[in-house]
Amino acid sequence: MSRVVCVWLPHLPIERLKRERARLRITPPPDDRPFALVGNEARGLKLTAVNAACARNGLSPGLGLADARAICPQLLTAPAAPDNDAEMLLALARWASRYSPALNVDGDDELWLDIAGVSHLFGGEDALLADLATRLARLGLTARLGAAETLGAAHALARFAKETPSVAPESAVPNETLHSTLASFPVEALRLESDTVHLLRRLGLKRIGQLYALPRASLERRFHSKATAECVLRRLDQALGARHEPHDALLPAPDFVVRRVFAEPLITHDGIVAHLDQLAAALCQTLTKAGHGARRVVLWAARTDGSTAAIEAGMSAPSRTGSHLVRLLQDKLEDIDLGFGVDLMTLAALATEPLREAQANITVDATVITPEILIDALTNRLGLRAVRRLFPQASHIPELAQVARDAFAGLSDWSDDAGKPQRPLFLLARPEPLSVMAEIPEGPPARFTWRRISRRVTKAQGPERIAPEWWRAITAHTTARPRDYYRIEDTDGCRYWVFREGLYQDSAEETPSWFLHGVFP
C-alpha cells in the first residue's frame, strides 16, 4: 500500500527570487508592498505570481499587467523566470530524497514523495512531516503538506485542507477513509481543467462528495464530450484509490546493482567484509561489460528488525577495481550497527562514467603511478572539503594560473603546460622580497639575501618575461608592472625561482623590485 506526501509550494517563484537576491546581496522583493512577477504570454504581459500584499489588493496570477496597474498603481514588478523556478523545484526534489527514494516533481509548484515503509525511520509519519516542514521553513519556503494513500488525495489535502500538514488517517481496508475525507473538498481538488470545473459548477456539482452517488451513465450524458466525462471519472477514481495512477520516480533504480540475501543473519563485521568482496567483484564485472566505471557507490545493509543502514564512498575518477571499492567502504563499516544481524546486502553504483580499457604495452613497462587511489582514500576519510585539487586557469600570472576545487571535480588536464619553461611545483603563499646585487641592471642576480641569509648565484637561466593583465589593474585601480623570471642556483645547489618586477627604463621614481616566488625540489 502506498503512502504519498504532497508538498505544495504556493509562493515558489517569489521565494526563489528572494533567495537569489539574498545570495547576490541585492535588495529582495518587499513583503509590505504589492509585488508580482510578470511573464510574456501569447496574449500579452500577465502576472504569473503575486505576494500577499497583491492578493489583499485584489490581484491574482493570470491578470493582465495593464489591468493590474489600473487596480493597484503602486504595484512593483519583476520579470518571471520559469526555467529558474523549474530548476529550483527539481533541486528541492533531489534534496528531499533524504525522506524517500521514490519522489518527483508534479507541475510547476509541487512535489510528491512515496513514504511507504520509511516513515518509521523518522519516528513516524507525523515526525517525518514535521521535520520536512521545518526544513523547508528554514530554507525560506512556504509549504503546505498533505499525506494520503493516493496521489490525488494527498494533492487535495495539500491545497485545500484547512491545516497543514493534513493527514488522511490510515485504515485497515485500503482507501476506506478517503471517501469521507474528500467529500467536503471542492471539485477543483480533483486536478481538473478550469473549463471542466466551470461546467461542473454550472451543473450544481461543487463538492467531490456530490459525485459519489451520481450515476455514472447520467454524468456522461451531462457533458458534451465523452472524453471530458471520462476525465472527471478517472480523476475521481484515482483520488479514491479505485483506479491505479502511474507516477514515475525522479531517481530511477541504478542500473548497476548487486544483492545478496543470507539465510542466516550476519552478526560480525568480518562476515560483512567477506561478502562485500564478492559483491564488489560482481559489481565490477557488470561495470566492465557495460564499459563504465563507478564514481559513487553505496552499500545498503538490511537488518532483521526491518531497519536499514547505508554507507557511501566517492571516487575522483571512474573505477571498476573491486579491491579499491572494498578498501573505501571498509573504512566506514565500523560505523554500521549490525543490531540483531544483517540478512540482506546491496551494493550499487549510483553514479558512473564511461571507462575504456587501456591498451597494455608488452615491450615497455607501462605502469603509471596515478594519485586517484590516494585521493579517494583521503577524501572518504577526511571529507570532501579537506582535500583540494588544482585545475588550470586561463592566466599567465603564476599565482592565478590555477584554481583549487574539490577532489571529485574531475581530472585536471595540464597538457597545455608541456611547452612552457620549467616552474616549481609549489609557490610561496606570497612572493617574498629579496635584496639583490646584479652584475648588470637588466641581468640575473649575482648575489641575493633572503630571510637574512646571503647567497651567491652560480647558475642562472632567463629571463621569462610575463606581461601584466591590464584588465585586472583597471578593476583594482592599481598600476601593473611586468615581471622577469629567472631560475637560479646558489653555491649549495639550492634552486630558486625569482623575478624582477618592473623595468629600469619605466620611471626613475619606481625602481624594479626583486621577489622570490618558489623553490625547486
Protein backbone atom coordinates (compact mmCIF):
# COMPACT_ATOMS: atom_id res chain seq x y z
CA MET A 1 0.00 0.00 0.00
CA SER A 2 1.34 3.40 -0.98
CA ARG A 3 1.56 6.37 1.34
CA VAL A 4 2.06 9.58 -0.62
CA VAL A 5 3.07 13.00 0.68
CA CYS A 6 2.42 16.06 -1.49
CA VAL A 7 4.37 19.26 -0.90
CA TRP A 8 2.75 22.36 -2.40
CA LEU A 9 4.90 25.49 -2.66
CA PRO A 10 2.35 28.24 -3.44
CA HIS A 11 4.88 31.10 -3.47
CA LEU A 12 7.84 29.31 -5.05
CA PRO A 13 8.65 31.87 -7.82
CA ILE A 14 8.80 34.88 -5.48
CA GLU A 15 10.60 33.00 -2.71
CA ARG A 16 13.08 31.68 -5.26
CA LEU A 17 13.75 35.28 -6.34
CA LYS A 18 14.27 36.30 -2.69
CA ARG A 19 16.86 33.57 -2.22
CA GLU A 20 18.70 34.55 -5.40
CA ARG A 21 18.82 38.23 -4.49
CA ALA A 22 19.94 37.44 -0.95
CA ARG A 23 22.79 35.36 -2.33
CA LEU A 24 23.81 38.20 -4.66
CA ARG A 25 23.36 40.78 -1.88
CA ILE A 26 20.63 42.58 -3.82
CA THR A 27 17.58 44.14 -2.18
CA PRO A 28 14.92 41.39 -2.02
CA PRO A 29 11.30 41.89 -3.11
CA PRO A 30 9.33 43.76 -0.42
CA ASP A 31 6.75 41.94 1.69
CA ASP A 32 4.79 45.03 2.72
CA ARG A 33 4.23 46.38 -0.80
CA PRO A 34 2.40 44.77 -3.75
CA PHE A 35 4.92 42.80 -5.78
CA ALA A 36 4.34 40.47 -8.72
CA LEU A 37 6.27 38.56 -11.36
CA VAL A 38 5.32 39.26 -14.97
CA GLY A 39 5.54 36.82 -17.85
CA ASN A 40 5.26 37.47 -21.58
CA GLU A 41 2.45 35.21 -22.77
CA ALA A 42 0.61 34.87 -26.05
CA ARG A 43 -1.97 37.50 -25.10
CA GLY A 44 0.48 39.99 -23.67
CA LEU A 45 2.08 40.61 -20.29
CA LYS A 46 0.35 38.83 -17.42
CA LEU A 47 1.00 38.32 -13.73
CA THR A 48 2.44 34.86 -13.03
CA ALA A 49 2.98 35.15 -9.26
CA VAL A 50 1.85 37.64 -6.59
CA ASN A 51 2.70 38.21 -2.94
CA ALA A 52 0.25 38.59 -0.06
CA ALA A 53 0.05 42.38 -0.45
CA CYS A 54 -1.09 41.92 -4.06
CA ALA A 55 -3.75 39.43 -3.01
CA ARG A 56 -5.10 41.93 -0.48
CA ASN A 57 -5.45 44.46 -3.32
CA GLY A 58 -7.43 42.04 -5.47
CA LEU A 59 -4.62 40.94 -7.79
CA SER A 60 -4.13 37.33 -8.79
CA PRO A 61 -2.00 35.31 -11.23
CA GLY A 62 -3.29 35.44 -14.79
CA LEU A 63 -4.37 39.08 -14.61
CA GLY A 64 -3.04 41.35 -17.36
CA LEU A 65 -0.33 43.79 -16.34
CA ALA A 66 -2.27 46.82 -17.62
CA ASP A 67 -5.36 45.82 -15.62
CA ALA A 68 -3.23 45.13 -12.56
CA ARG A 69 -1.65 48.60 -12.66
CA ALA A 70 -5.09 50.15 -13.06
CA ILE A 71 -6.28 48.35 -9.92
CA CYS A 72 -3.05 48.90 -7.96
CA PRO A 73 -0.91 51.80 -9.28
CA GLN A 74 1.84 51.21 -6.69
CA LEU A 75 2.46 47.67 -7.99
CA LEU A 76 6.13 46.63 -8.20
CA THR A 77 7.10 44.00 -10.77
CA ALA A 78 9.98 41.85 -11.92
CA PRO A 79 10.29 39.54 -14.92
CA ALA A 80 9.32 35.92 -14.31
CA ALA A 81 11.92 33.19 -14.79
CA PRO A 82 10.05 29.88 -15.18
CA ASP A 83 13.21 28.00 -16.11
CA ASN A 84 14.86 29.05 -12.84
CA ASP A 85 11.70 28.06 -10.94
CA ALA A 86 11.72 24.61 -12.55
CA GLU A 87 15.43 24.21 -11.78
CA MET A 88 14.88 25.05 -8.12
CA LEU A 89 11.89 22.70 -7.87
CA LEU A 90 14.00 19.89 -9.30
CA ALA A 91 16.81 20.70 -6.85
CA LEU A 92 14.30 20.58 -3.98
CA ALA A 93 13.10 17.17 -5.17
CA ARG A 94 16.65 15.83 -5.12
CA TRP A 95 17.18 17.42 -1.70
CA ALA A 96 14.02 15.69 -0.40
CA SER A 97 15.41 12.28 -1.34
CA ARG A 98 16.59 12.06 2.28
CA TYR A 99 12.98 11.19 3.13
CA SER A 100 12.24 8.71 0.34
CA PRO A 101 13.97 7.26 -2.72
CA ALA A 102 10.68 7.45 -4.69
CA LEU A 103 9.75 11.06 -5.42
CA ASN A 104 9.29 13.52 -8.27
CA VAL A 105 8.06 16.97 -9.21
CA ASP A 106 4.40 17.46 -10.08
CA GLY A 107 3.54 20.51 -12.14
CA ASP A 108 5.23 23.85 -11.54
CA ASP A 109 4.97 24.10 -7.76
CA GLU A 110 4.53 20.66 -6.20
CA LEU A 111 6.50 17.59 -5.15
CA TRP A 112 5.34 14.14 -4.17
CA LEU A 113 7.09 11.51 -2.08
CA ASP A 114 6.12 7.88 -1.50
CA ILE A 115 7.00 7.28 2.16
CA ALA A 116 5.58 3.75 2.42
CA GLY A 117 7.93 1.72 4.62
CA VAL A 118 10.27 4.58 5.52
CA SER A 119 8.31 6.78 7.94
CA HIS A 120 9.38 4.67 10.95
CA LEU A 121 12.99 5.74 10.31
CA PHE A 122 11.98 9.27 11.29
CA GLY A 123 9.88 8.35 14.31
CA GLY A 124 6.58 8.01 12.48
CA GLU A 125 4.63 9.80 9.79
CA ASP A 126 3.85 12.86 11.90
CA ALA A 127 7.51 13.29 12.85
CA LEU A 128 8.58 12.97 9.20
CA LEU A 129 6.11 15.62 8.08
CA ALA A 130 7.09 17.94 10.92
CA ASP A 131 10.78 17.60 10.08
CA LEU A 132 10.11 18.20 6.37
CA ALA A 133 8.01 21.30 7.11
CA THR A 134 10.66 22.66 9.49
CA ARG A 135 13.50 22.23 7.00
CA LEU A 136 11.51 23.89 4.21
CA ALA A 137 10.71 26.82 6.51
CA ARG A 138 14.42 27.22 7.26
CA LEU A 139 15.01 27.49 3.52
CA GLY A 140 12.57 30.40 3.44
CA LEU A 141 9.87 28.45 1.59
CA THR A 142 6.15 28.43 2.33
CA ALA A 143 4.93 24.85 2.08
CA ARG A 144 1.64 23.03 2.57
CA LEU A 145 1.83 19.29 3.14
CA GLY A 146 -0.74 16.55 2.66
CA ALA A 147 -0.43 12.80 3.22
CA ALA A 148 -2.83 10.12 1.99
CA GLU A 149 -2.93 6.71 0.37
CA THR A 150 -3.22 8.14 -3.16
CA LEU A 151 -1.50 10.95 -5.02
CA GLY A 152 -4.80 12.61 -5.86
CA ALA A 153 -5.96 12.66 -2.24
CA ALA A 154 -2.60 13.96 -0.99
CA HIS A 155 -2.78 16.71 -3.62
CA ALA A 156 -6.24 17.73 -2.41
CA LEU A 157 -5.18 17.79 1.23
CA ALA A 158 -2.07 19.88 0.50
CA ARG A 159 -4.00 22.53 -1.42
CA PHE A 160 -7.45 22.63 0.14
CA ALA A 161 -7.22 21.37 3.74
CA LYS A 162 -7.63 23.99 6.46
CA GLU A 163 -4.48 22.92 8.31
CA THR A 164 -1.04 21.83 7.27
CA PRO A 165 0.31 19.21 7.48
CA SER A 166 -3.00 17.45 6.78
CA VAL A 167 -3.06 13.68 7.05
CA ALA A 168 -5.75 11.27 5.88
CA PRO A 169 -5.99 8.55 8.55
CA GLU A 170 -4.90 5.07 7.54
CA SER A 171 -7.48 2.30 7.60
CA ALA A 172 -7.42 -1.47 7.70
CA VAL A 173 -9.38 -1.57 4.45
CA PRO A 174 -7.41 0.18 1.69
CA ASN A 175 -8.73 3.67 0.84
CA GLU A 176 -11.77 3.27 3.12
CA THR A 177 -11.40 6.69 4.78
CA LEU A 178 -10.76 8.66 1.59
CA HIS A 179 -14.47 8.97 0.74
CA SER A 180 -15.25 10.83 3.96
CA THR A 181 -12.00 12.82 3.88
CA LEU A 182 -12.52 14.22 0.39
CA ALA A 183 -16.32 14.60 0.42
CA SER A 184 -16.29 18.24 1.55
CA PHE A 185 -13.49 19.34 -0.77
CA PRO A 186 -14.31 21.44 -3.88
CA VAL A 187 -14.20 19.79 -7.29
CA GLU A 188 -11.06 21.83 -8.09
CA ALA A 189 -9.21 19.40 -5.82
CA LEU A 190 -9.55 16.65 -8.46
CA ARG A 191 -6.87 18.27 -10.70
CA LEU A 192 -9.32 19.09 -13.49
CA GLU A 193 -9.06 21.70 -16.23
CA SER A 194 -10.67 25.06 -15.48
CA ASP A 195 -13.30 24.58 -18.21
CA THR A 196 -14.32 21.23 -16.71
CA VAL A 197 -14.56 22.73 -13.23
CA HIS A 198 -16.70 25.57 -14.58
CA LEU A 199 -19.05 23.08 -16.25
CA LEU A 200 -19.38 21.00 -13.08
CA ARG A 201 -20.31 24.09 -11.09
CA ARG A 202 -22.89 25.06 -13.68
CA LEU A 203 -24.42 21.62 -13.16
CA GLY A 204 -24.56 22.26 -9.40
CA LEU A 205 -21.73 19.83 -8.63
CA LYS A 206 -19.49 21.93 -6.35
CA ARG A 207 -18.21 19.29 -3.90
CA ILE A 208 -16.47 15.99 -4.50
CA GLY A 209 -19.00 14.21 -2.29
CA GLN A 210 -21.78 15.16 -4.72
CA LEU A 211 -20.16 12.97 -7.37
CA TYR A 212 -20.24 9.81 -5.24
CA ALA A 213 -23.94 8.93 -5.54
CA LEU A 214 -24.40 10.32 -9.04
CA PRO A 215 -24.97 7.55 -11.62
CA ARG A 216 -22.01 7.45 -13.97
CA ALA A 217 -24.14 6.98 -17.05
CA SER A 218 -26.08 10.15 -16.31
CA LEU A 219 -22.86 12.04 -15.62
CA GLU A 220 -21.57 11.16 -19.06
CA ARG A 221 -24.81 12.37 -20.66
CA ARG A 222 -24.48 15.77 -18.95
CA PHE A 223 -21.17 16.50 -20.66
CA HIS A 224 -20.91 17.45 -24.30
CA SER A 225 -17.77 15.34 -24.68
CA LYS A 226 -17.30 11.74 -23.61
CA ALA A 227 -13.60 12.46 -23.09
CA THR A 228 -14.46 15.18 -20.56
CA ALA A 229 -16.73 12.85 -18.61
CA GLU A 230 -14.07 10.15 -18.67
CA CYS A 231 -11.50 12.65 -17.35
CA VAL A 232 -13.75 13.53 -14.37
CA LEU A 233 -14.40 9.87 -13.54
CA ARG A 234 -10.74 8.95 -13.93
CA ARG A 235 -9.56 11.72 -11.59
CA LEU A 236 -12.25 10.80 -9.07
CA ASP A 237 -11.30 7.10 -9.13
CA GLN A 238 -7.61 7.93 -8.84
CA ALA A 239 -8.17 10.17 -5.83
CA LEU A 240 -10.29 7.49 -4.11
CA GLY A 241 -7.88 4.67 -4.98
CA ALA A 242 -10.35 2.84 -7.23
CA ARG A 243 -8.08 3.24 -10.25
CA HIS A 244 -4.30 2.99 -10.37
CA GLU A 245 -2.41 6.18 -11.18
CA PRO A 246 1.08 5.61 -12.58
CA HIS A 247 3.76 8.03 -11.41
CA ASP A 248 7.42 7.60 -12.21
CA ALA A 249 10.05 8.39 -9.62
CA LEU A 250 12.63 11.08 -10.33
CA LEU A 251 15.56 8.91 -9.29
CA PRO A 252 15.22 5.55 -11.06
CA ALA A 253 16.81 2.45 -9.64
CA PRO A 254 20.52 2.29 -10.54
CA ASP A 255 21.44 0.10 -13.48
CA PHE A 256 24.43 -1.34 -11.64
CA VAL A 257 23.14 -3.15 -8.56
CA VAL A 258 24.09 -6.46 -6.96
CA ARG A 259 22.32 -8.03 -3.98
CA ARG A 260 22.85 -10.94 -1.67
CA VAL A 261 20.30 -12.48 0.69
CA PHE A 262 21.50 -14.55 3.65
CA ALA A 263 19.64 -17.47 5.15
CA GLU A 264 21.39 -16.82 8.47
CA PRO A 265 21.94 -13.19 9.54
CA LEU A 266 25.49 -11.85 9.61
CA ILE A 267 26.36 -10.70 13.11
CA THR A 268 30.04 -9.74 12.72
CA HIS A 269 31.83 -7.13 10.65
CA ASP A 270 34.23 -9.80 9.36
CA GLY A 271 31.30 -11.54 7.72
CA ILE A 272 30.19 -8.27 6.15
CA VAL A 273 33.69 -7.68 4.73
CA ALA A 274 33.90 -11.22 3.33
CA HIS A 275 30.63 -10.85 1.41
CA LEU A 276 31.49 -7.29 0.42
CA ASP A 277 34.45 -8.67 -1.56
CA GLN A 278 32.08 -10.89 -3.51
CA LEU A 279 29.58 -8.10 -4.11
CA ALA A 280 32.32 -5.73 -5.31
CA ALA A 281 33.66 -8.36 -7.72
CA ALA A 282 30.17 -8.94 -9.15
CA LEU A 283 29.52 -5.20 -9.48
CA CYS A 284 32.85 -4.56 -11.22
CA GLN A 285 32.12 -7.40 -13.63
CA THR A 286 28.82 -5.74 -14.55
CA LEU A 287 30.56 -2.38 -14.96
CA THR A 288 33.23 -3.93 -17.20
CA LYS A 289 30.63 -5.44 -19.53
CA ALA A 290 28.96 -2.03 -19.87
CA GLY A 291 32.25 -0.17 -20.32
CA HIS A 292 31.63 2.02 -17.29
CA GLY A 293 33.41 2.90 -14.08
CA ALA A 294 31.85 3.88 -10.76
CA ARG A 295 32.17 7.41 -9.38
CA ARG A 296 29.90 6.90 -6.34
CA VAL A 297 28.87 3.64 -4.68
CA VAL A 298 26.58 2.87 -1.77
CA LEU A 299 26.25 -0.22 0.42
CA TRP A 300 22.85 -0.90 1.97
CA ALA A 301 22.54 -3.35 4.85
CA ALA A 302 19.05 -4.50 5.87
CA ARG A 303 18.77 -5.68 9.47
CA THR A 304 16.49 -8.45 10.67
CA ASP A 305 14.36 -5.97 12.62
CA GLY A 306 13.38 -4.17 9.39
CA SER A 307 15.71 -1.18 9.76
CA THR A 308 18.47 -0.32 7.30
CA ALA A 309 21.89 1.29 7.28
CA ALA A 310 23.85 2.73 4.38
CA ILE A 311 27.39 3.92 3.74
CA GLU A 312 28.65 5.74 0.65
CA ALA A 313 32.02 6.25 -0.98
CA GLY A 314 33.01 8.55 -3.82
CA MET A 315 35.87 8.40 -6.29
CA SER A 316 37.77 11.16 -8.04
CA ALA A 317 37.93 9.14 -11.26
CA PRO A 318 35.86 6.25 -12.68
CA SER A 319 36.93 2.90 -11.23
CA ARG A 320 35.90 -0.72 -11.55
CA THR A 321 38.59 -2.26 -9.39
CA GLY A 322 36.91 -4.37 -6.72
CA SER A 323 39.71 -4.10 -4.18
CA HIS A 324 39.61 -0.29 -4.41
CA LEU A 325 35.85 -0.18 -3.78
CA VAL A 326 36.19 -2.55 -0.83
CA ARG A 327 39.02 -0.51 0.67
CA LEU A 328 36.98 2.69 0.57
CA LEU A 329 33.86 1.11 2.08
CA GLN A 330 35.72 -0.99 4.63
CA ASP A 331 36.94 2.12 6.45
CA LYS A 332 33.30 3.05 7.17
CA LEU A 333 31.96 -0.40 8.07
CA GLU A 334 32.76 0.08 11.74
CA ASP A 335 30.11 2.83 11.84
CA ILE A 336 27.34 0.35 10.98
CA ASP A 337 25.38 -1.05 13.90
CA LEU A 338 24.55 -4.65 12.94
CA GLY A 339 21.81 -4.94 15.56
CA PHE A 340 20.45 -8.48 15.60
CA GLY A 341 22.12 -9.27 12.29
CA VAL A 342 22.05 -8.35 8.61
CA ASP A 343 20.06 -10.57 6.24
CA LEU A 344 20.38 -8.52 3.01
CA MET A 345 23.25 -6.56 1.46
CA THR A 346 23.00 -4.39 -1.66
CA LEU A 347 25.90 -2.71 -3.44
CA ALA A 348 25.03 -0.15 -6.13
CA ALA A 349 26.89 2.29 -8.32
CA LEU A 350 24.84 5.47 -8.04
CA ALA A 351 27.00 7.47 -10.45
CA THR A 352 29.02 6.04 -13.33
CA GLU A 353 31.04 7.32 -16.26
CA PRO A 354 32.32 5.61 -19.41
CA LEU A 355 35.69 3.94 -18.83
CA ARG A 356 37.52 2.40 -21.75
CA GLU A 357 40.10 -0.35 -21.49
CA ALA A 358 43.70 0.87 -21.69
CA GLN A 359 45.97 -0.85 -24.21
CA ALA A 360 48.91 -2.50 -22.43
CA ASN A 361 52.43 -2.31 -23.84
CA ILE A 362 54.24 -5.65 -23.83
CA THR A 363 57.69 -4.20 -24.58
CA VAL A 364 57.78 -1.21 -22.25
CA ASP A 365 56.79 -1.00 -18.63
CA ALA A 366 53.52 0.92 -18.95
CA THR A 367 52.91 1.19 -15.22
CA VAL A 368 51.67 4.71 -14.50
CA ILE A 369 51.50 6.00 -10.98
CA THR A 370 48.12 7.68 -10.54
CA PRO A 371 47.14 9.68 -7.48
CA GLU A 372 43.46 8.70 -7.60
CA ILE A 373 43.80 5.86 -5.07
CA LEU A 374 45.42 8.14 -2.50
CA ILE A 375 42.98 10.99 -3.28
CA ASP A 376 39.96 8.68 -2.82
CA ALA A 377 41.27 7.32 0.47
CA LEU A 378 41.98 10.76 1.90
CA THR A 379 38.70 12.26 0.70
CA ASN A 380 36.50 9.49 2.04
CA ARG A 381 38.30 9.60 5.38
CA LEU A 382 38.72 13.37 5.87
CA GLY A 383 35.76 14.70 3.89
CA LEU A 384 35.34 16.41 0.55
CA ARG A 385 36.19 19.87 1.88
CA ALA A 386 39.51 18.76 3.34
CA VAL A 387 41.06 17.55 0.07
CA ARG A 388 41.54 20.00 -2.80
CA ARG A 389 42.84 19.61 -6.32
CA LEU A 390 44.45 22.18 -8.61
CA PHE A 391 42.95 22.85 -12.04
CA PRO A 392 44.46 25.05 -14.76
CA GLN A 393 43.03 28.52 -15.23
CA ALA A 394 43.47 30.85 -18.18
CA SER A 395 46.12 33.25 -16.90
CA HIS A 396 49.82 33.85 -17.49
CA ILE A 397 50.34 35.16 -13.95
CA PRO A 398 51.77 32.17 -12.00
CA GLU A 399 49.68 32.64 -8.84
CA LEU A 400 46.50 32.97 -10.95
CA ALA A 401 47.21 30.12 -13.38
CA GLN A 402 45.45 27.52 -11.21
CA VAL A 403 42.35 27.26 -9.05
CA ALA A 404 41.64 24.86 -6.17
CA ARG A 405 38.49 22.73 -6.41
CA ASP A 406 37.23 19.67 -4.59
CA ALA A 407 38.93 16.38 -5.39
CA PHE A 408 35.84 14.93 -7.10
CA ALA A 409 35.51 17.78 -9.61
CA GLY A 410 37.12 15.61 -12.30
CA LEU A 411 40.55 15.03 -13.77
CA SER A 412 42.73 18.09 -14.23
CA ASP A 413 44.34 18.47 -17.66
CA TRP A 414 47.74 20.18 -17.66
CA SER A 415 48.68 19.18 -21.21
CA ASP A 416 48.85 22.83 -22.29
CA ASP A 417 51.81 23.36 -19.91
CA ALA A 418 54.03 20.90 -21.79
CA GLY A 419 55.89 23.57 -23.78
CA LYS A 420 56.25 26.15 -21.02
CA PRO A 421 59.51 26.80 -19.14
CA GLN A 422 60.09 24.76 -16.00
CA ARG A 423 58.41 26.08 -12.88
CA PRO A 424 58.46 24.91 -9.25
CA LEU A 425 55.74 22.54 -8.07
CA PHE A 426 54.84 24.77 -5.15
CA LEU A 427 54.74 28.54 -4.95
CA LEU A 428 55.06 30.62 -1.83
CA ALA A 429 51.77 31.90 -0.47
CA ARG A 430 53.06 35.41 -1.21
CA PRO A 431 56.24 36.37 -3.09
CA GLU A 432 58.88 37.36 -0.53
CA PRO A 433 61.10 40.41 -1.14
CA LEU A 434 64.81 39.96 -1.85
CA SER A 435 67.84 42.19 -1.56
CA VAL A 436 69.66 41.60 -4.87
CA MET A 437 73.04 42.62 -6.33
CA ALA A 438 73.15 42.20 -10.12
CA GLU A 439 76.17 42.42 -12.43
CA ILE A 440 74.19 44.42 -15.00
CA PRO A 441 70.86 46.26 -14.50
CA GLU A 442 68.85 44.02 -16.82
CA GLY A 443 70.69 40.82 -15.97
CA PRO A 444 70.15 37.98 -13.47
CA PRO A 445 71.12 38.41 -9.82
CA ALA A 446 74.72 37.73 -8.84
CA ARG A 447 74.06 37.68 -5.09
CA PHE A 448 70.83 37.95 -3.06
CA THR A 449 69.75 37.99 0.57
CA TRP A 450 66.67 36.04 1.59
CA ARG A 451 65.48 35.69 5.18
CA ARG A 452 68.68 37.36 6.45
CA ILE A 453 70.95 34.84 4.72
CA SER A 454 73.18 35.95 1.84
CA ARG A 455 73.56 33.56 -1.10
CA ARG A 456 75.83 33.70 -4.13
CA VAL A 457 74.39 32.69 -7.51
CA THR A 458 76.42 30.23 -9.58
CA LYS A 459 73.90 29.46 -12.37
CA ALA A 460 71.06 31.47 -13.83
CA GLN A 461 68.60 30.94 -16.67
CA GLY A 462 66.18 33.52 -18.03
CA PRO A 463 64.55 35.89 -18.23
CA GLU A 464 60.96 34.73 -18.85
CA ARG A 465 59.04 37.96 -19.23
CA ILE A 466 55.36 37.92 -18.15
CA ALA A 467 53.32 40.96 -19.01
CA PRO A 468 50.67 42.16 -16.56
CA GLU A 469 46.95 41.62 -17.12
CA TRP A 470 45.84 45.18 -17.68
CA TRP A 471 42.15 44.48 -17.14
CA ARG A 472 42.80 43.35 -13.58
CA ALA A 473 44.77 46.52 -12.90
CA ILE A 474 41.85 48.64 -14.12
CA THR A 475 39.42 46.76 -11.87
CA ALA A 476 41.70 47.02 -8.83
CA HIS A 477 42.68 50.65 -9.60
CA THR A 478 46.40 49.79 -9.42
CA THR A 479 49.39 50.09 -11.72
CA ALA A 480 50.54 46.74 -13.08
CA ARG A 481 54.24 46.13 -13.82
CA PRO A 482 55.86 43.40 -15.95
CA ARG A 483 57.89 40.60 -14.40
CA ASP A 484 61.17 38.99 -15.49
CA TYR A 485 61.51 35.46 -14.01
CA TYR A 486 64.86 33.67 -13.51
CA ARG A 487 65.73 30.14 -12.46
CA ILE A 488 68.87 30.43 -10.34
CA GLU A 489 71.12 28.09 -8.33
CA ASP A 490 73.37 29.02 -5.41
CA THR A 491 76.66 27.58 -4.19
CA ASP A 492 74.84 24.98 -2.05
CA GLY A 493 72.99 23.58 -5.05
CA CYS A 494 69.62 25.02 -4.00
CA ARG A 495 67.47 26.27 -6.88
CA TYR A 496 65.10 29.21 -6.68
CA TRP A 497 62.53 30.92 -8.88
CA VAL A 498 62.87 34.69 -8.57
CA PHE A 499 61.51 37.63 -10.53
CA ARG A 500 62.21 41.29 -11.03
CA GLU A 501 59.04 43.39 -11.03
CA GLY A 502 59.30 46.46 -13.23
CA LEU A 503 61.79 47.70 -15.78
CA TYR A 504 64.63 50.17 -15.24
CA GLN A 505 63.51 52.44 -18.05
CA ASP A 506 59.92 52.70 -16.77
CA SER A 507 60.43 55.54 -14.30
CA ALA A 508 63.27 56.94 -12.26
CA GLU A 509 60.96 57.08 -9.25
CA GLU A 510 59.85 53.40 -9.49
CA THR A 511 62.92 51.21 -9.35
CA PRO A 512 62.45 47.49 -10.01
CA SER A 513 61.92 45.19 -7.03
CA TRP A 514 63.08 41.58 -6.63
CA PHE A 515 60.98 38.76 -5.14
CA LEU A 516 61.34 35.04 -4.53
CA HIS A 517 58.25 33.15 -5.76
CA GLY A 518 59.15 29.48 -5.37
CA VAL A 519 61.81 26.88 -4.60
CA PHE A 520 62.64 23.91 -6.84
CA PRO A 521 62.95 20.49 -5.15
